[in-house]
């Protein structure tokens, strides 16, 4: 499968800005691997505080970007695009940060499925900067329905009434 644009990514993942960390997919081989890209820009709110004067993308966000690429691969491989399913982390192993990721780069996200059983996948991920390894890890994720009260927000729930006793 060739390039996947942002519109298609939005049907495969439930994340939205500022937590959507995959900008495009260069290529994908269903059931096997994916090459996605994250454009790291100074406009991202995290760089205001991480770190002032020396902005560096937090390692947890690099791992999240790899996981989102893996989620795209898994959801597309299972034919679940547009289903509203969520991809949940189950475990992260062997994370190694080799090179800092700074604004102004394209972060190449290479993810391979190591093992897949029904709705659980184990992946290997490598984040690359200009062909050099920046981060590597293995992670496991589960694809499942969102919680039944997933659409509920704080604004839609009633606050407790202080004039009445507890319910």
Foldseek 3Di string as FASTA:
>chain_A
DAKDAPVQLVQQAVDDPPLQFFGIWGDADAQWKTKTKGQFAPPRPVQVVCPVVFGFDDPVSVVSNLVSRVSSRLCVNVVNGNVQKHKAWDDKPDKDFDATDGHPFMWIKMKTFPDDDDFKTKIWIFIDTPNHTGIIIITMIGIGHDPPCVVDDPVNDDDDDVVDDDD
